[in-house]
Amino acid sequence: MTGSLMLWGLIAVAIFWGVGVHNRLMRMRAKGLQALSAVQESLREYAVLLQTQLAPGALTESPWSTLRANLESMEGACKDALSTPLSIQPLENLAASMHLVQSNWSDVRKHIADPVSLQNYLALQTAWDPIVQRTQVLRTSYNHQVARYNEAIGQFPARLVVGILGFQPAGTL
């Protein structure tokens, strides 16, 4: 009788522990998704900035058209990253997209020849820089949340049930 009671007590402890691990990892994953959503909102500001600050015809001229196309690609990468929560490959694609947009922004400056376009670019630069800084802060926050999550799923004894509960390592930006 005592052995049976002990067995049921151990089973109950194991179940409560498993539920606790699951809830903790779900909270951590939710924080990661919130941080990723904040990054996405910040990234949308680039496209809004170009649409509101540039003349409509300017976005069809090269190198602005390349920048616009890469911003659209980055928006698609954001949607993919959010639709497959914290999966590594979509987040790597998003990080590459973000790097490409910043590279394109630098290329735009190299192709400006006339003074009026240069003034427009410099005005945009003053609005662009705070977005870059805010995005970097949000990106760092996201990476911190994901590092904590990845660390938690790799810790013993949680790693014993992580696969059963369906948790996978998350990707960084």
Protein backbone atom coordinates (compact mmCIF):
# COMPACT_ATOMS: atom_id res chain seq x y z
CA MET A 1 0.00 0.00 0.00
CA THR A 2 2.77 2.44 0.94
CA GLY A 3 4.64 1.67 -2.28
CA SER A 4 1.53 2.39 -4.34
CA LEU A 5 0.95 5.65 -2.51
CA MET A 6 4.55 6.68 -3.10
CA LEU A 7 4.28 5.85 -6.80
CA TRP A 8 1.13 7.96 -7.20
CA GLY A 9 2.82 10.79 -5.28
CA LEU A 10 5.82 10.68 -7.65
CA ILE A 11 3.53 10.65 -10.68
CA ALA A 12 1.66 13.69 -9.33
CA VAL A 13 4.93 15.55 -8.69
CA ALA A 14 6.16 14.70 -12.20
CA ILE A 15 2.94 15.95 -13.77
CA PHE A 16 2.96 19.20 -11.81
CA TRP A 17 6.63 19.70 -12.64
CA GLY A 18 5.95 19.08 -16.37
CA VAL A 19 3.09 21.58 -16.34
CA GLY A 20 5.35 24.10 -14.61
CA VAL A 21 8.10 23.63 -17.22
CA HIS A 22 5.56 23.97 -20.03
CA ASN A 23 4.08 27.16 -18.61
CA ARG A 24 7.50 28.72 -17.98
CA LEU A 25 8.67 27.99 -21.53
CA MET A 26 5.40 29.26 -23.00
CA ARG A 27 5.79 32.55 -21.10
CA MET A 28 9.36 32.89 -22.33
CA ARG A 29 8.33 32.12 -25.89
CA ALA A 30 5.51 34.67 -25.67
CA LYS A 31 7.99 37.32 -24.54
CA GLY A 32 10.17 36.46 -27.53
CA LEU A 33 7.21 36.81 -29.88
CA GLN A 34 6.28 40.16 -28.32
CA ALA A 35 9.85 41.36 -28.83
CA LEU A 36 9.77 40.14 -32.45
CA SER A 37 6.48 41.98 -33.05
CA ALA A 38 8.07 45.17 -31.69
CA VAL A 39 10.96 44.72 -34.14
CA GLN A 40 8.47 44.25 -36.98
CA GLU A 41 6.60 47.44 -36.04
CA SER A 42 9.88 49.35 -36.04
CA LEU A 43 10.83 47.91 -39.43
CA ARG A 44 7.50 49.06 -40.91
CA GLU A 45 8.54 52.62 -40.10
CA TYR A 46 11.13 52.51 -42.89
CA ALA A 47 8.51 51.96 -45.58
CA VAL A 48 6.17 54.54 -44.04
CA LEU A 49 9.02 57.05 -43.98
CA LEU A 50 9.80 56.57 -47.65
CA GLN A 51 6.16 56.71 -48.69
CA THR A 52 5.47 59.91 -46.75
CA GLN A 53 8.71 61.77 -47.38
CA LEU A 54 9.49 61.02 -51.01
CA ALA A 55 7.61 62.13 -54.09
CA PRO A 56 5.68 59.18 -55.55
CA GLY A 57 7.78 59.15 -58.74
CA ALA A 58 11.05 59.03 -56.83
CA LEU A 59 10.39 55.51 -55.57
CA THR A 60 10.41 54.19 -59.14
CA GLU A 61 13.88 55.59 -59.86
CA SER A 62 16.97 53.57 -59.16
CA PRO A 63 18.45 53.23 -56.45
CA TRP A 64 15.24 54.14 -54.58
CA SER A 65 13.35 51.38 -56.37
CA THR A 66 15.91 48.83 -55.18
CA LEU A 67 15.55 50.09 -51.62
CA ARG A 68 11.76 49.92 -51.88
CA ALA A 69 11.90 46.37 -53.28
CA ASN A 70 14.17 45.29 -50.44
CA LEU A 71 11.86 46.93 -47.89
CA GLU A 72 8.98 44.92 -49.35
CA SER A 73 11.12 41.79 -49.17
CA MET A 74 11.92 42.60 -45.54
CA GLU A 75 8.21 42.98 -44.80
CA GLY A 76 7.61 39.52 -46.28
CA ALA A 77 10.46 38.11 -44.19
CA CYS A 78 8.84 39.67 -41.10
CA LYS A 79 5.54 37.98 -41.87
CA ASP A 80 7.29 34.64 -42.40
CA ALA A 81 9.18 35.02 -39.11
CA LEU A 82 5.94 35.74 -37.24
CA SER A 83 3.99 32.96 -38.94
CA THR A 84 6.54 30.34 -37.88
CA PRO A 85 7.20 31.42 -34.30
CA LEU A 86 10.88 31.75 -33.53
CA SER A 87 12.01 29.31 -36.25
CA ILE A 88 15.65 29.68 -37.11
CA GLN A 89 15.57 29.90 -40.94
CA PRO A 90 12.88 32.62 -41.25
CA LEU A 91 14.72 34.70 -38.65
CA GLU A 92 18.01 34.29 -40.51
CA ASN A 93 16.21 35.46 -43.67
CA LEU A 94 14.85 38.47 -41.79
CA ALA A 95 18.29 39.35 -40.43
CA ALA A 96 19.76 39.12 -43.94
CA SER A 97 16.92 41.29 -45.25
CA MET A 98 17.55 43.90 -42.57
CA HIS A 99 21.25 43.98 -43.46
CA LEU A 100 20.42 44.34 -47.16
CA VAL A 101 18.10 47.31 -46.50
CA GLN A 102 20.83 49.09 -44.53
CA SER A 103 23.30 48.38 -47.32
CA ASN A 104 20.83 49.74 -49.89
CA TRP A 105 20.39 52.88 -47.81
CA SER A 106 24.13 53.50 -48.05
CA ASP A 107 24.02 52.84 -51.80
CA VAL A 108 21.30 55.46 -52.27
CA ARG A 109 23.68 58.14 -50.95
CA LYS A 110 26.39 57.10 -53.42
CA HIS A 111 24.05 57.59 -56.40
CA ILE A 112 22.77 61.06 -55.54
CA ALA A 113 24.20 63.68 -57.86
CA ASP A 114 22.04 66.82 -57.73
CA PRO A 115 21.83 69.17 -54.71
CA VAL A 116 18.02 68.97 -54.36
CA SER A 117 18.10 65.18 -54.14
CA LEU A 118 20.94 65.43 -51.65
CA GLN A 119 18.88 67.77 -49.44
CA ASN A 120 15.95 65.34 -49.62
CA TYR A 121 18.25 62.46 -48.73
CA LEU A 122 19.74 64.34 -45.77
CA ALA A 123 16.26 65.19 -44.51
CA LEU A 124 15.34 61.52 -44.77
CA GLN A 125 18.59 60.58 -43.03
CA THR A 126 17.59 62.58 -39.93
CA ALA A 127 14.35 60.58 -39.75
CA TRP A 128 16.02 57.28 -40.76
CA ASP A 129 18.70 57.28 -38.05
CA PRO A 130 16.31 57.18 -35.05
CA ILE A 131 14.48 54.26 -36.65
CA VAL A 132 17.78 52.42 -37.07
CA GLN A 133 18.68 53.04 -33.43
CA ARG A 134 15.24 52.01 -32.13
CA THR A 135 15.30 48.89 -34.29
CA GLN A 136 18.74 47.97 -32.97
CA VAL A 137 17.57 48.34 -29.37
CA LEU A 138 14.49 46.20 -30.07
CA ARG A 139 16.60 43.66 -31.93
CA THR A 140 18.98 43.41 -28.97
CA SER A 141 16.02 42.97 -26.63
CA TYR A 142 14.63 40.21 -28.84
CA ASN A 143 18.00 38.44 -28.98
CA HIS A 144 18.24 38.64 -25.19
CA GLN A 145 14.78 37.10 -24.76
CA VAL A 146 15.61 34.33 -27.21
CA ALA A 147 18.94 33.60 -25.52
CA ARG A 148 17.11 33.16 -22.20
CA TYR A 149 14.53 30.90 -23.86
CA ASN A 150 17.19 28.79 -25.60
CA GLU A 151 19.11 28.51 -22.34
CA ALA A 152 15.95 27.40 -20.52
CA ILE A 153 15.14 24.62 -23.00
CA GLY A 154 18.71 23.35 -22.75
CA GLN A 155 18.82 23.15 -18.97
CA PHE A 156 18.54 19.93 -17.08
CA PRO A 157 15.98 18.60 -16.16
CA ALA A 158 13.78 20.62 -18.55
CA ARG A 159 15.56 19.22 -21.59
CA LEU A 160 14.19 15.81 -20.67
CA VAL A 161 10.66 16.90 -21.66
CA VAL A 162 11.29 19.74 -24.12
CA GLY A 163 11.01 17.51 -27.19
CA ILE A 164 7.86 15.86 -25.87
CA LEU A 165 6.29 19.27 -25.24
CA GLY A 166 7.23 20.45 -28.76
CA PHE A 167 9.67 23.23 -27.91
CA GLN A 168 12.46 23.97 -30.39
CA PRO A 169 15.44 26.34 -30.13
CA ALA A 170 14.68 29.83 -31.40
CA GLY A 171 16.68 31.83 -33.92
CA THR A 172 18.24 35.21 -33.33
CA LEU A 173 18.30 38.35 -35.45
